[in-house]
Amino acid sequence: MKIAQVKEPTSKFIKVRCPKCKNEQIMFGKAATRVQCLVCAKPLAEPSGGKAKIKARILEVLE
């Protein structure tokens, strides 16, 4: 009997701070759509086919 190894995910959730209104929110590191601030609607990340291009300050990487 073969035992299959389970791969761990390489993607993480990231806590970012909006440069305009200082709102903190959690986003996915490999976002496939534009991520906007929930308070002021400033774009925080753009999709790039893999990892998102983050335009905000990263506070921590959640695991």
PDB file of N, CA and C in Angstrom:
ATOM      1  N   MET A   1       0.839  -1.182   0.000  1.00  0.00           N
ATOM      2  CA  MET A   1       0.000   0.000   0.000  1.00  0.00           C
ATOM      3  C   MET A   1       0.882   1.244   0.000  1.00  0.00           C
ATOM      4  N   LYS A   2       0.584   2.200  -0.893  1.00  0.00           N
ATOM      5  CA  LYS A   2       1.346   3.447  -0.993  1.00  0.00           C
ATOM      6  C   LYS A   2       0.739   4.507  -0.089  1.00  0.00           C
ATOM      7  N   ILE A   3       1.602   5.285   0.548  1.00  0.00           N
ATOM      8  CA  ILE A   3       1.145   6.404   1.362  1.00  0.00           C
ATOM      9  C   ILE A   3       1.444   7.681   0.593  1.00  0.00           C
ATOM     10  N   ALA A   4       0.414   8.454   0.323  1.00  0.00           N
ATOM     11  CA  ALA A   4       0.572   9.705  -0.430  1.00  0.00           C
ATOM     12  C   ALA A   4       0.898  10.848   0.528  1.00  0.00           C
ATOM     13  N   GLN A   5       1.834  11.693   0.112  1.00  0.00           N
ATOM     14  CA  GLN A   5       2.177  12.852   0.913  1.00  0.00           C
ATOM     15  C   GLN A   5       1.244  13.998   0.542  1.00  0.00           C
ATOM     16  N   VAL A   6       0.797  14.721   1.551  1.00  0.00           N
ATOM     17  CA  VAL A   6      -0.092  15.852   1.327  1.00  0.00           C
ATOM     18  C   VAL A   6       0.752  17.109   1.295  1.00  0.00           C
ATOM     19  N   LYS A   7       0.620  17.896   0.203  1.00  0.00           N
ATOM     20  CA  LYS A   7       1.388  19.128   0.075  1.00  0.00           C
ATOM     21  C   LYS A   7       0.750  20.219   0.925  1.00  0.00           C
ATOM     22  N   GLU A   8       1.583  20.996   1.564  1.00  0.00           N
ATOM     23  CA  GLU A   8       1.088  22.134   2.327  1.00  0.00           C
ATOM     24  C   GLU A   8       0.835  23.290   1.373  1.00  0.00           C
ATOM     25  N   PRO A   9      -0.171  24.116   1.649  1.00  0.00           N
ATOM     26  CA  PRO A   9      -0.432  25.251   0.764  1.00  0.00           C
ATOM     27  C   PRO A   9       0.692  26.273   0.822  1.00  0.00           C
ATOM     28  N   THR A  10       0.986  26.887  -0.323  1.00  0.00           N
ATOM     29  CA  THR A  10       2.052  27.894  -0.376  1.00  0.00           C
ATOM     30  C   THR A  10       1.481  29.298  -0.260  1.00  0.00           C
ATOM     31  N   SER A  11       0.171  29.408  -0.220  1.00  0.00           N
ATOM     32  CA  SER A  11      -0.461  30.721  -0.133  1.00  0.00           C
ATOM     33  C   SER A  11      -0.825  31.042   1.310  1.00  0.00           C
ATOM     34  N   LYS A  12      -0.822  32.315   1.624  1.00  0.00           N
ATOM     35  CA  LYS A  12      -1.093  32.764   2.990  1.00  0.00           C
ATOM     36  C   LYS A  12      -2.085  33.920   2.968  1.00  0.00           C
ATOM     37  N   PHE A  13      -2.672  34.176   4.113  1.00  0.00           N
ATOM     38  CA  PHE A  13      -3.471  35.375   4.307  1.00  0.00           C
ATOM     39  C   PHE A  13      -2.557  36.443   4.886  1.00  0.00           C
ATOM     40  N   ILE A  14      -2.791  37.695   4.506  1.00  0.00           N
ATOM     41  CA  ILE A  14      -1.914  38.800   4.891  1.00  0.00           C
ATOM     42  C   ILE A  14      -2.756  39.901   5.519  1.00  0.00           C
ATOM     43  N   LYS A  15      -2.274  40.451   6.633  1.00  0.00           N
ATOM     44  CA  LYS A  15      -2.927  41.610   7.233  1.00  0.00           C
ATOM     45  C   LYS A  15      -2.215  42.848   6.721  1.00  0.00           C
ATOM     46  N   VAL A  16      -2.963  43.761   6.093  1.00  0.00           N
ATOM     47  CA  VAL A  16      -2.393  44.969   5.498  1.00  0.00           C
ATOM     48  C   VAL A  16      -3.051  46.210   6.102  1.00  0.00           C
ATOM     49  N   ARG A  17      -2.359  47.359   5.974  1.00  0.00           N
ATOM     50  CA  ARG A  17      -2.893  48.639   6.440  1.00  0.00           C
ATOM     51  C   ARG A  17      -2.995  49.585   5.258  1.00  0.00           C
ATOM     52  N   CYS A  18      -4.157  50.196   5.101  1.00  0.00           N
ATOM     53  CA  CYS A  18      -4.396  51.142   4.024  1.00  0.00           C
ATOM     54  C   CYS A  18      -3.546  52.392   4.250  1.00  0.00           C
ATOM     55  N   PRO A  19      -2.818  52.856   3.215  1.00  0.00           N
ATOM     56  CA  PRO A  19      -1.974  54.049   3.390  1.00  0.00           C
ATOM     57  C   PRO A  19      -2.782  55.340   3.520  1.00  0.00           C
ATOM     58  N   LYS A  20      -4.042  55.327   3.088  1.00  0.00           N
ATOM     59  CA  LYS A  20      -4.852  56.538   3.114  1.00  0.00           C
ATOM     60  C   LYS A  20      -5.602  56.718   4.446  1.00  0.00           C
ATOM     61  N   CYS A  21      -6.346  55.697   4.856  1.00  0.00           N
ATOM     62  CA  CYS A  21      -7.188  55.843   6.049  1.00  0.00           C
ATOM     63  C   CYS A  21      -6.713  55.018   7.247  1.00  0.00           C
ATOM     64  N   LYS A  22      -5.625  54.260   7.095  1.00  0.00           N
ATOM     65  CA  LYS A  22      -5.023  53.442   8.160  1.00  0.00           C
ATOM     66  C   LYS A  22      -5.914  52.284   8.620  1.00  0.00           C
ATOM     67  N   ASN A  23      -6.890  51.908   7.795  1.00  0.00           N
ATOM     68  CA  ASN A  23      -7.734  50.757   8.114  1.00  0.00           C
ATOM     69  C   ASN A  23      -6.912  49.479   7.939  1.00  0.00           C
ATOM     70  N   GLU A  24      -7.069  48.549   8.874  1.00  0.00           N
ATOM     71  CA  GLU A  24      -6.387  47.254   8.778  1.00  0.00           C
ATOM     72  C   GLU A  24      -7.391  46.218   8.306  1.00  0.00           C
ATOM     73  N   GLN A  25      -6.979  45.410   7.323  1.00  0.00           N
ATOM     74  CA  GLN A  25      -7.844  44.330   6.868  1.00  0.00           C
ATOM     75  C   GLN A  25      -7.006  43.151   6.408  1.00  0.00           C
ATOM     76  N   ILE A  26      -7.656  42.015   6.304  1.00  0.00           N
ATOM     77  CA  ILE A  26      -6.991  40.771   5.926  1.00  0.00           C
ATOM     78  C   ILE A  26      -7.348  40.455   4.480  1.00  0.00           C
ATOM     79  N   MET A  27      -6.330  40.093   3.699  1.00  0.00           N
ATOM     80  CA  MET A  27      -6.541  39.731   2.301  1.00  0.00           C
ATOM     81  C   MET A  27      -5.755  38.464   1.991  1.00  0.00           C
ATOM     82  N   PHE A  28      -6.070  37.850   0.865  1.00  0.00           N
ATOM     83  CA  PHE A  28      -5.385  36.643   0.413  1.00  0.00           C
ATOM     84  C   PHE A  28      -4.134  37.044  -0.365  1.00  0.00           C
ATOM     85  N   GLY A  29      -3.030  36.384  -0.132  1.00  0.00           N
ATOM     86  CA  GLY A  29      -1.772  36.727  -0.775  1.00  0.00           C
ATOM     87  C   GLY A  29      -1.758  36.504  -2.277  1.00  0.00           C
ATOM     88  N   LYS A  30      -2.591  35.584  -2.767  1.00  0.00           N
ATOM     89  CA  LYS A  30      -2.667  35.311  -4.202  1.00  0.00           C
ATOM     90  C   LYS A  30      -4.042  35.718  -4.724  1.00  0.00           C
ATOM     91  N   ALA A  31      -4.419  36.954  -4.468  1.00  0.00           N
ATOM     92  CA  ALA A  31      -5.738  37.446  -4.848  1.00  0.00           C
ATOM     93  C   ALA A  31      -5.886  37.464  -6.370  1.00  0.00           C
ATOM     94  N   ALA A  32      -7.015  36.984  -6.863  1.00  0.00           N
ATOM     95  CA  ALA A  32      -7.276  36.931  -8.304  1.00  0.00           C
ATOM     96  C   ALA A  32      -8.066  38.145  -8.782  1.00  0.00           C
ATOM     97  N   THR A  33      -8.542  38.965  -7.862  1.00  0.00           N
ATOM     98  CA  THR A  33      -9.270  40.177  -8.216  1.00  0.00           C
ATOM     99  C   THR A  33      -8.649  41.360  -7.477  1.00  0.00           C
ATOM    100  N   ARG A  34      -9.037  42.586  -7.897  1.00  0.00           N
ATOM    101  CA  ARG A  34      -8.549  43.782  -7.216  1.00  0.00           C
ATOM    102  C   ARG A  34      -9.065  43.797  -5.786  1.00  0.00           C
ATOM    103  N   VAL A  35      -8.194  44.122  -4.852  1.00  0.00           N
ATOM    104  CA  VAL A  35      -8.590  44.243  -3.450  1.00  0.00           C
ATOM    105  C   VAL A  35      -8.602  45.723  -3.112  1.00  0.00           C
ATOM    106  N   GLN A  36      -9.751  46.201  -2.611  1.00  0.00           N
ATOM    107  CA  GLN A  36      -9.890  47.598  -2.243  1.00  0.00           C
ATOM    108  C   GLN A  36     -10.121  47.710  -0.744  1.00  0.00           C
ATOM    109  N   CYS A  37      -9.750  48.877  -0.199  1.00  0.00           N
ATOM    110  CA  CYS A  37     -10.007  49.159   1.205  1.00  0.00           C
ATOM    111  C   CYS A  37     -11.515  49.179   1.426  1.00  0.00           C
ATOM    112  N   LEU A  38     -11.967  48.590   2.519  1.00  0.00           N
ATOM    113  CA  LEU A  38     -13.393  48.527   2.806  1.00  0.00           C
ATOM    114  C   LEU A  38     -13.938  49.866   3.282  1.00  0.00           C
ATOM    115  N   VAL A  39     -13.055  50.781   3.718  1.00  0.00           N
ATOM    116  CA  VAL A  39     -13.500  52.071   4.235  1.00  0.00           C
ATOM    117  C   VAL A  39     -13.450  53.147   3.152  1.00  0.00           C
ATOM    118  N   CYS A  40     -12.293  53.313   2.494  1.00  0.00           N
ATOM    119  CA  CYS A  40     -12.127  54.428   1.551  1.00  0.00           C
ATOM    120  C   CYS A  40     -12.049  53.991   0.084  1.00  0.00           C
ATOM    121  N   ALA A  41     -12.086  52.704  -0.203  1.00  0.00           N
ATOM    122  CA  ALA A  41     -12.077  52.128  -1.555  1.00  0.00           C
ATOM    123  C   ALA A  41     -10.771  52.357  -2.314  1.00  0.00           C
ATOM    124  N   LYS A  42      -9.678  52.660  -1.626  1.00  0.00           N
ATOM    125  CA  LYS A  42      -8.373  52.774  -2.276  1.00  0.00           C
ATOM    126  C   LYS A  42      -7.882  51.370  -2.635  1.00  0.00           C
ATOM    127  N   PRO A  43      -7.327  51.167  -3.841  1.00  0.00           N
ATOM    128  CA  PRO A  43      -6.835  49.830  -4.210  1.00  0.00           C
ATOM    129  C   PRO A  43      -5.636  49.425  -3.343  1.00  0.00           C
ATOM    130  N   LEU A  44      -5.718  48.228  -2.773  1.00  0.00           N
ATOM    131  CA  LEU A  44      -4.648  47.708  -1.918  1.00  0.00           C
ATOM    132  C   LEU A  44      -3.810  46.658  -2.631  1.00  0.00           C
ATOM    133  N   ALA A  45      -4.379  45.965  -3.612  1.00  0.00           N
ATOM    134  CA  ALA A  45      -3.642  44.923  -4.330  1.00  0.00           C
ATOM    135  C   ALA A  45      -4.224  44.725  -5.717  1.00  0.00           C
ATOM    136  N   GLU A  46      -3.356  44.383  -6.659  1.00  0.00           N
ATOM    137  CA  GLU A  46      -3.735  44.096  -8.041  1.00  0.00           C
ATOM    138  C   GLU A  46      -3.323  42.651  -8.353  1.00  0.00           C
ATOM    139  N   PRO A  47      -4.142  41.909  -9.090  1.00  0.00           N
ATOM    140  CA  PRO A  47      -3.746  40.545  -9.465  1.00  0.00           C
ATOM    141  C   PRO A  47      -2.627  40.578 -10.502  1.00  0.00           C
ATOM    142  N   SER A  48      -1.761  39.580 -10.454  1.00  0.00           N
ATOM    143  CA  SER A  48      -0.653  39.532 -11.409  1.00  0.00           C
ATOM    144  C   SER A  48      -0.447  38.131 -11.985  1.00  0.00           C
ATOM    145  N   GLY A  49      -1.426  37.262 -11.836  1.00  0.00           N
ATOM    146  CA  GLY A  49      -1.297  35.915 -12.376  1.00  0.00           C
ATOM    147  C   GLY A  49      -0.790  34.920 -11.359  1.00  0.00           C
ATOM    148  N   GLY A  50      -0.165  35.382 -10.317  1.00  0.00           N
ATOM    149  CA  GLY A  50       0.328  34.537  -9.232  1.00  0.00           C
ATOM    150  C   GLY A  50       0.069  35.275  -7.940  1.00  0.00           C
ATOM    151  N   LYS A  51       1.137  35.695  -7.303  1.00  0.00           N
ATOM    152  CA  LYS A  51       0.974  36.503  -6.101  1.00  0.00           C
ATOM    153  C   LYS A  51       0.492  37.898  -6.487  1.00  0.00           C
ATOM    154  N   ALA A  52      -0.320  38.474  -5.634  1.00  0.00           N
ATOM    155  CA  ALA A  52      -0.865  39.802  -5.911  1.00  0.00           C
ATOM    156  C   ALA A  52       0.206  40.872  -5.686  1.00  0.00           C
ATOM    157  N   LYS A  53       0.129  41.959  -6.467  1.00  0.00           N
ATOM    158  CA  LYS A  53       1.016  43.108  -6.258  1.00  0.00           C
ATOM    159  C   LYS A  53       0.391  43.961  -5.159  1.00  0.00           C
ATOM    160  N   ILE A  54       0.993  43.949  -4.000  1.00  0.00           N
ATOM    161  CA  ILE A  54       0.422  44.618  -2.839  1.00  0.00           C
ATOM    162  C   ILE A  54       0.899  46.062  -2.799  1.00  0.00           C
ATOM    163  N   LYS A  55      -0.059  46.984  -2.667  1.00  0.00           N
ATOM    164  CA  LYS A  55       0.238  48.413  -2.656  1.00  0.00           C
ATOM    165  C   LYS A  55       0.021  49.012  -1.276  1.00  0.00           C
ATOM    166  N   ALA A  56      -0.065  48.196  -0.267  1.00  0.00           N
ATOM    167  CA  ALA A  56      -0.291  48.647   1.103  1.00  0.00           C
ATOM    168  C   ALA A  56       0.819  48.097   1.983  1.00  0.00           C
ATOM    169  N   ARG A  57       0.859  48.589   3.206  1.00  0.00           N
ATOM    170  CA  ARG A  57       1.873  48.109   4.161  1.00  0.00           C
ATOM    171  C   ARG A  57       1.449  46.768   4.740  1.00  0.00           C
ATOM    172  N   ILE A  58       2.355  45.796   4.672  1.00  0.00           N
ATOM    173  CA  ILE A  58       2.071  44.465   5.224  1.00  0.00           C
ATOM    174  C   ILE A  58       2.403  44.498   6.711  1.00  0.00           C
ATOM    175  N   LEU A  59       1.413  44.183   7.552  1.00  0.00           N
ATOM    176  CA  LEU A  59       1.609  44.180   8.987  1.00  0.00           C
ATOM    177  C   LEU A  59       2.069  42.810   9.477  1.00  0.00           C
ATOM    178  N   GLU A  60       1.429  41.740   8.981  1.00  0.00           N
ATOM    179  CA  GLU A  60       1.853  40.396   9.341  1.00  0.00           C
ATOM    180  C   GLU A  60       1.308  39.377   8.354  1.00  0.00           C
ATOM    181  N   VAL A  61       1.966  38.241   8.312  1.00  0.00           N
ATOM    182  CA  VAL A  61       1.529  37.119   7.478  1.00  0.00           C
ATOM    183  C   VAL A  61       0.889  36.109   8.408  1.00  0.00           C
ATOM    184  N   LEU A  62      -0.375  35.812   8.181  1.00  0.00           N
ATOM    185  CA  LEU A  62      -1.114  34.886   9.036  1.00  0.00           C
ATOM    186  C   LEU A  62      -0.931  33.464   8.535  1.00  0.00           C
ATOM    187  N   GLU A  63      -0.808  32.540   9.470  1.00  0.00           N
ATOM    188  CA  GLU A  63      -0.611  31.138   9.083  1.00  0.00           C
ATOM    189  C   GLU A  63      -1.702  30.254   9.605  1.00  0.00           C
TER     190      GLU A  63
END
